C-alpha atoms as a PDB file:
ATOM      1  CA  MET A   1       5.114 -12.895  22.685  1.00  0.00           C
ATOM      2  CA  ASP A   2       3.732 -10.194  20.378  1.00  0.00           C
ATOM      3  CA  ARG A   3       4.505 -11.103  16.743  1.00  0.00           C
ATOM      4  CA  ASP A   4       5.128  -7.395  16.126  1.00  0.00           C
ATOM      5  CA  PHE A   5       8.276  -7.605  18.241  1.00  0.00           C
ATOM      6  CA  GLU A   6       9.439 -10.945  16.862  1.00  0.00           C
ATOM      7  CA  ILE A   7       9.599  -9.759  13.268  1.00  0.00           C
ATOM      8  CA  ALA A   8      11.658  -6.653  13.996  1.00  0.00           C
ATOM      9  CA  HIS A   9      14.909  -8.627  14.085  1.00  0.00           C
ATOM     10  CA  ARG A  10      15.107  -9.408  10.360  1.00  0.00           C
ATOM     11  CA  ASN A  11      14.371  -7.756   7.060  1.00  0.00           C
ATOM     12  CA  GLU A  12      10.993  -8.471   5.524  1.00  0.00           C
ATOM     13  CA  LEU A  13       9.491  -7.437   2.216  1.00  0.00           C
ATOM     14  CA  LEU A  14       7.160  -4.524   2.778  1.00  0.00           C
ATOM     15  CA  VAL A  15       4.589  -3.951   0.042  1.00  0.00           C
ATOM     16  CA  LEU A  16       2.978  -0.509  -0.069  1.00  0.00           C
ATOM     17  CA  LEU A  17       0.332   1.023  -2.294  1.00  0.00           C
ATOM     18  CA  LEU A  18       0.372   4.767  -2.911  1.00  0.00           C
ATOM     19  CA  GLY A  19      -2.608   6.692  -4.204  1.00  0.00           C
ATOM     20  CA  THR A  20      -3.557  10.309  -4.863  1.00  0.00           C
ATOM     21  CA  ASN A  21      -6.374  12.173  -6.583  1.00  0.00           C
ATOM     22  CA  MET A  22      -5.897  15.785  -5.491  1.00  0.00           C
ATOM     23  CA  GLY A  23      -3.576  18.542  -6.665  1.00  0.00           C
ATOM     24  CA  ASP A  24      -0.491  17.635  -8.688  1.00  0.00           C
ATOM     25  CA  ARG A  25      -0.942  13.893  -8.463  1.00  0.00           C
ATOM     26  CA  SER A  26       2.423  12.989 -10.042  1.00  0.00           C
ATOM     27  CA  GLN A  27       4.248  15.345  -7.689  1.00  0.00           C
ATOM     28  CA  ASN A  28       2.360  13.877  -4.722  1.00  0.00           C
ATOM     29  CA  LEU A  29       3.629  10.396  -5.598  1.00  0.00           C
ATOM     30  CA  THR A  30       7.170  11.683  -6.136  1.00  0.00           C
ATOM     31  CA  GLN A  31       7.182  13.412  -2.749  1.00  0.00           C
ATOM     32  CA  ALA A  32       5.777  10.305  -1.056  1.00  0.00           C
ATOM     33  CA  ILE A  33       8.477   8.094  -2.599  1.00  0.00           C
ATOM     34  CA  THR A  34      11.151  10.587  -1.514  1.00  0.00           C
ATOM     35  CA  GLY A  35       9.815  10.499   2.051  1.00  0.00           C
ATOM     36  CA  LEU A  36       9.549   6.714   2.075  1.00  0.00           C
ATOM     37  CA  ASN A  37      13.097   6.393   0.735  1.00  0.00           C
ATOM     38  CA  LYS A  38      14.372   8.555   3.609  1.00  0.00           C
ATOM     39  CA  LEU A  39      12.589   6.252   6.036  1.00  0.00           C
ATOM     40  CA  LEU A  40      13.219   2.878   4.367  1.00  0.00           C
ATOM     41  CA  GLY A  41      16.080   3.265   1.880  1.00  0.00           C
ATOM     42  CA  GLU A  42      15.768   2.575  -1.826  1.00  0.00           C
ATOM     43  CA  PRO A  43      12.869   0.351  -2.916  1.00  0.00           C
ATOM     44  CA  THR A  44      13.627  -3.106  -4.227  1.00  0.00           C
ATOM     45  CA  LYS A  45      10.844  -2.730  -6.823  1.00  0.00           C
ATOM     46  CA  GLN A  46       8.508   0.000  -7.968  1.00  0.00           C
ATOM     47  CA  SER A  47       5.575  -0.267 -10.377  1.00  0.00           C
ATOM     48  CA  THR A  48       4.645   2.153 -13.071  1.00  0.00           C
ATOM     49  CA  VAL A  49       1.915   4.640 -12.244  1.00  0.00           C
ATOM     50  CA  TYR A  50      -1.686   3.669 -13.059  1.00  0.00           C
ATOM     51  CA  GLU A  51      -4.620   6.021 -13.422  1.00  0.00           C
ATOM     52  CA  THR A  52      -7.648   4.373 -11.853  1.00  0.00           C
ATOM     53  CA  PRO A  53     -11.267   5.263 -11.196  1.00  0.00           C
ATOM     54  CA  PRO A  54     -12.257   5.996  -7.583  1.00  0.00           C
ATOM     55  CA  TRP A  55     -13.447   3.085  -5.441  1.00  0.00           C
ATOM     56  CA  GLY A  56     -16.080   3.222  -2.726  1.00  0.00           C
ATOM     57  CA  ASN A  57     -17.057   6.851  -3.196  1.00  0.00           C
ATOM     58  CA  GLU A  58     -17.175   7.212  -6.980  1.00  0.00           C
ATOM     59  CA  ASN A  59     -18.074  10.929  -7.027  1.00  0.00           C
ATOM     60  CA  GLN A  60     -14.479  12.203  -7.136  1.00  0.00           C
ATOM     61  CA  ASP A  61     -11.508  12.542  -9.485  1.00  0.00           C
ATOM     62  CA  ALA A  62      -9.488   9.597 -10.791  1.00  0.00           C
ATOM     63  CA  PHE A  63      -6.518   8.371  -8.778  1.00  0.00           C
ATOM     64  CA  LEU A  64      -2.911   7.757  -9.628  1.00  0.00           C
ATOM     65  CA  ASN A  65      -1.753   4.546  -7.930  1.00  0.00           C
ATOM     66  CA  MET A  66       1.511   2.673  -7.720  1.00  0.00           C
ATOM     67  CA  ALA A  67       2.994  -0.187  -5.714  1.00  0.00           C
ATOM     68  CA  VAL A  68       6.417  -0.144  -4.085  1.00  0.00           C
ATOM     69  CA  ILE A  69       8.391  -2.878  -2.333  1.00  0.00           C
ATOM     70  CA  TYR A  70      11.012  -2.219   0.337  1.00  0.00           C
ATOM     71  CA  ALA A  71      13.081  -4.477   2.590  1.00  0.00           C
ATOM     72  CA  THR A  72      12.744  -3.373   6.211  1.00  0.00           C
ATOM     73  CA  SER A  73      13.076  -4.486   9.798  1.00  0.00           C
ATOM     74  CA  ILE A  74      11.018  -1.598  11.199  1.00  0.00           C
ATOM     75  CA  LYS A  75       8.209  -2.981  13.330  1.00  0.00           C
ATOM     76  CA  PRO A  76       4.812  -2.668  11.616  1.00  0.00           C
ATOM     77  CA  THR A  77       3.207  -0.458  14.274  1.00  0.00           C
ATOM     78  CA  ILE A  78       6.159   1.949  14.250  1.00  0.00           C
ATOM     79  CA  LEU A  79       6.128   1.826  10.460  1.00  0.00           C
ATOM     80  CA  LEU A  80       2.433   2.738  10.404  1.00  0.00           C
ATOM     81  CA  GLU A  81       3.084   5.718  12.701  1.00  0.00           C
ATOM     82  CA  SER A  82       5.896   6.890  10.410  1.00  0.00           C
ATOM     83  CA  ILE A  83       3.751   6.505   7.290  1.00  0.00           C
ATOM     84  CA  LEU A  84       0.852   8.403   8.854  1.00  0.00           C
ATOM     85  CA  GLN A  85       3.261  11.167   9.879  1.00  0.00           C
ATOM     86  CA  LEU A  86       4.642  11.324   6.318  1.00  0.00           C
ATOM     87  CA  GLU A  87       1.106  11.643   4.949  1.00  0.00           C
ATOM     88  CA  VAL A  88       0.488  14.592   7.302  1.00  0.00           C
ATOM     89  CA  GLU A  89       3.812  16.204   6.337  1.00  0.00           C
ATOM     90  CA  LEU A  90       2.777  15.927   2.682  1.00  0.00           C
ATOM     91  CA  GLY A  91      -0.503  17.695   3.451  1.00  0.00           C
ATOM     92  CA  ARG A  92      -3.037  14.922   3.919  1.00  0.00           C
ATOM     93  CA  VAL A  93      -6.092  15.772   5.964  1.00  0.00           C
ATOM     94  CA  ARG A  94      -8.390  12.848   6.736  1.00  0.00           C
ATOM     95  CA  GLN A  95     -11.985  13.938   6.237  1.00  0.00           C
ATOM     96  CA  LYS A  96     -14.144  11.294   4.638  1.00  0.00           C
ATOM     97  CA  LYS A  97     -13.751   7.537   4.323  1.00  0.00           C
ATOM     98  CA  TRP A  98     -12.924   6.657   0.706  1.00  0.00           C
ATOM     99  CA  GLY A  99     -12.953  10.362  -0.088  1.00  0.00           C
ATOM    100  CA  PRO A 100     -10.496  12.475  -2.077  1.00  0.00           C
ATOM    101  CA  ARG A 101      -6.958  12.421  -0.772  1.00  0.00           C
ATOM    102  CA  LEU A 102      -3.743  14.244  -1.426  1.00  0.00           C
ATOM    103  CA  ILE A 103      -1.785  11.085  -0.608  1.00  0.00           C
ATOM    104  CA  ASP A 104      -2.612   7.664   0.755  1.00  0.00           C
ATOM    105  CA  ILE A 105       0.038   5.106   1.673  1.00  0.00           C
ATOM    106  CA  ASP A 106      -1.288   1.671   2.597  1.00  0.00           C
ATOM    107  CA  ILE A 107       0.610  -1.303   3.960  1.00  0.00           C
ATOM    108  CA  ILE A 108      -0.530  -4.216   1.788  1.00  0.00           C
ATOM    109  CA  PHE A 109       1.858  -6.987   2.902  1.00  0.00           C
ATOM    110  CA  TYR A 110       4.668  -7.248   5.430  1.00  0.00           C
ATOM    111  CA  GLY A 111       6.431 -10.501   4.580  1.00  0.00           C
ATOM    112  CA  ASP A 112       3.994 -13.317   5.348  1.00  0.00           C
ATOM    113  CA  MET A 113       2.777 -11.603   8.510  1.00  0.00           C
ATOM    114  CA  ILE A 114      -0.826 -11.823   9.612  1.00  0.00           C
ATOM    115  CA  TYR A 115      -1.467  -9.018  12.068  1.00  0.00           C
ATOM    116  CA  GLN A 116      -4.602  -7.365  13.391  1.00  0.00           C
ATOM    117  CA  SER A 117      -5.100  -4.513  15.817  1.00  0.00           C
ATOM    118  CA  ASP A 118      -7.534  -1.626  16.138  1.00  0.00           C
ATOM    119  CA  PHE A 119      -5.277   0.485  13.901  1.00  0.00           C
ATOM    120  CA  LEU A 120      -3.573  -1.914  11.512  1.00  0.00           C
ATOM    121  CA  GLU A 121      -4.467  -5.053   9.608  1.00  0.00           C
ATOM    122  CA  ILE A 122      -1.872  -6.996   7.599  1.00  0.00           C
ATOM    123  CA  PRO A 123      -2.406  -8.126   4.931  1.00  0.00           C
ATOM    124  CA  HIS A 124      -4.599  -5.202   3.913  1.00  0.00           C
ATOM    125  CA  PRO A 125      -8.173  -6.468   4.404  1.00  0.00           C
ATOM    126  CA  TYR A 126      -9.600  -5.349   1.041  1.00  0.00           C
ATOM    127  CA  MET A 127      -6.606  -5.621  -1.259  1.00  0.00           C
ATOM    128  CA  HIS A 128      -7.857  -8.784  -2.956  1.00  0.00           C
ATOM    129  CA  GLU A 129     -11.088  -6.997  -3.986  1.00  0.00           C
ATOM    130  CA  ARG A 130      -9.459  -3.933  -5.505  1.00  0.00           C
ATOM    131  CA  LYS A 131      -8.126  -3.846  -9.036  1.00  0.00           C
ATOM    132  CA  PHE A 132      -6.319  -0.561  -8.317  1.00  0.00           C
ATOM    133  CA  VAL A 133      -4.204  -2.434  -5.754  1.00  0.00           C
ATOM    134  CA  LEU A 134      -3.734  -5.652  -7.681  1.00  0.00           C
ATOM    135  CA  GLU A 135      -2.841  -4.162 -11.071  1.00  0.00           C
ATOM    136  CA  PRO A 136       0.374  -2.368 -10.017  1.00  0.00           C
ATOM    137  CA  LEU A 137       1.176  -5.149  -7.568  1.00  0.00           C
ATOM    138  CA  ASN A 138       0.799  -7.764 -10.296  1.00  0.00           C
ATOM    139  CA  GLU A 139       3.376  -5.856 -12.340  1.00  0.00           C
ATOM    140  CA  ILE A 140       6.110  -6.107  -9.691  1.00  0.00           C
ATOM    141  CA  ALA A 141       5.173  -9.130  -7.559  1.00  0.00           C
ATOM    142  CA  PRO A 142       2.814 -11.494  -9.416  1.00  0.00           C
ATOM    143  CA  GLN A 143       3.961 -14.563  -7.456  1.00  0.00           C
ATOM    144  CA  TYR A 144       3.677 -12.942  -4.005  1.00  0.00           C
ATOM    145  CA  GLU A 145       1.295 -15.161  -2.039  1.00  0.00           C
ATOM    146  CA  HIS A 146      -1.461 -13.750   0.142  1.00  0.00           C
ATOM    147  CA  PRO A 147      -0.798 -15.375   3.543  1.00  0.00           C
ATOM    148  CA  LEU A 148      -4.485 -15.761   4.426  1.00  0.00           C
ATOM    149  CA  LEU A 149      -5.971 -16.628   1.038  1.00  0.00           C
ATOM    150  CA  GLY A 150      -3.134 -18.843  -0.183  1.00  0.00           C
ATOM    151  CA  LYS A 151      -3.366 -17.320  -3.669  1.00  0.00           C
ATOM    152  CA  SER A 152      -0.773 -15.402  -5.628  1.00  0.00           C
ATOM    153  CA  VAL A 153      -1.215 -11.769  -6.584  1.00  0.00           C
ATOM    154  CA  SER A 154      -1.603 -12.859 -10.218  1.00  0.00           C
ATOM    155  CA  GLN A 155      -4.414 -15.263  -9.264  1.00  0.00           C
ATOM    156  CA  LEU A 156      -6.163 -12.532  -7.269  1.00  0.00           C
ATOM    157  CA  TYR A 157      -5.698 -10.086 -10.163  1.00  0.00           C
ATOM    158  CA  LEU A 158      -7.235 -12.556 -12.629  1.00  0.00           C
ATOM    159  CA  ALA A 159     -10.183 -13.114 -10.277  1.00  0.00           C
ATOM    160  CA  VAL A 160     -10.891  -9.400  -9.824  1.00  0.00           C
ATOM    161  CA  ASN A 161     -10.662  -8.871 -13.603  1.00  0.00           C
ATOM    162  CA  ALA A 162     -13.200 -11.660 -14.146  1.00  0.00           C
ATOM    163  CA  HIS A 163     -15.750  -9.567 -12.242  1.00  0.00           C
ATOM    164  CA  ASP A 164     -15.298  -6.442 -14.417  1.00  0.00           C
END
């Protein structure tokens, strides 16, 4: 049986990372949170906002990033569709990988799920390499364990900081 259908019967902790580096960045995050709250209810935890340098394509403006945790029973593939639709409603146009973006909402963790398809990978495949993900996540969920790596967010955050 597809694990995607199994998990839909109970609430799981959903960890999201939001990022923006175009327009009114603070307003972009506020609008994204408002949209996510309509979809998922109030978050159980929300980090402060961090200004971070771009990653991958460094020739662009700095990002504002934050992490948010919700409890949900929405199936991950349906959740991804809803998040992508919210990004479009907020004005996101996908043009260039790792390029500037009005809003980006990434699924980082969904409980302890390990899931891979052509469109979605949980946990997020690069989260453990990215300080801009780990820093806000470490603020609100330092003990959250990466289901593939068997390390806590705080351990991953310390490791990525050691490479700076």
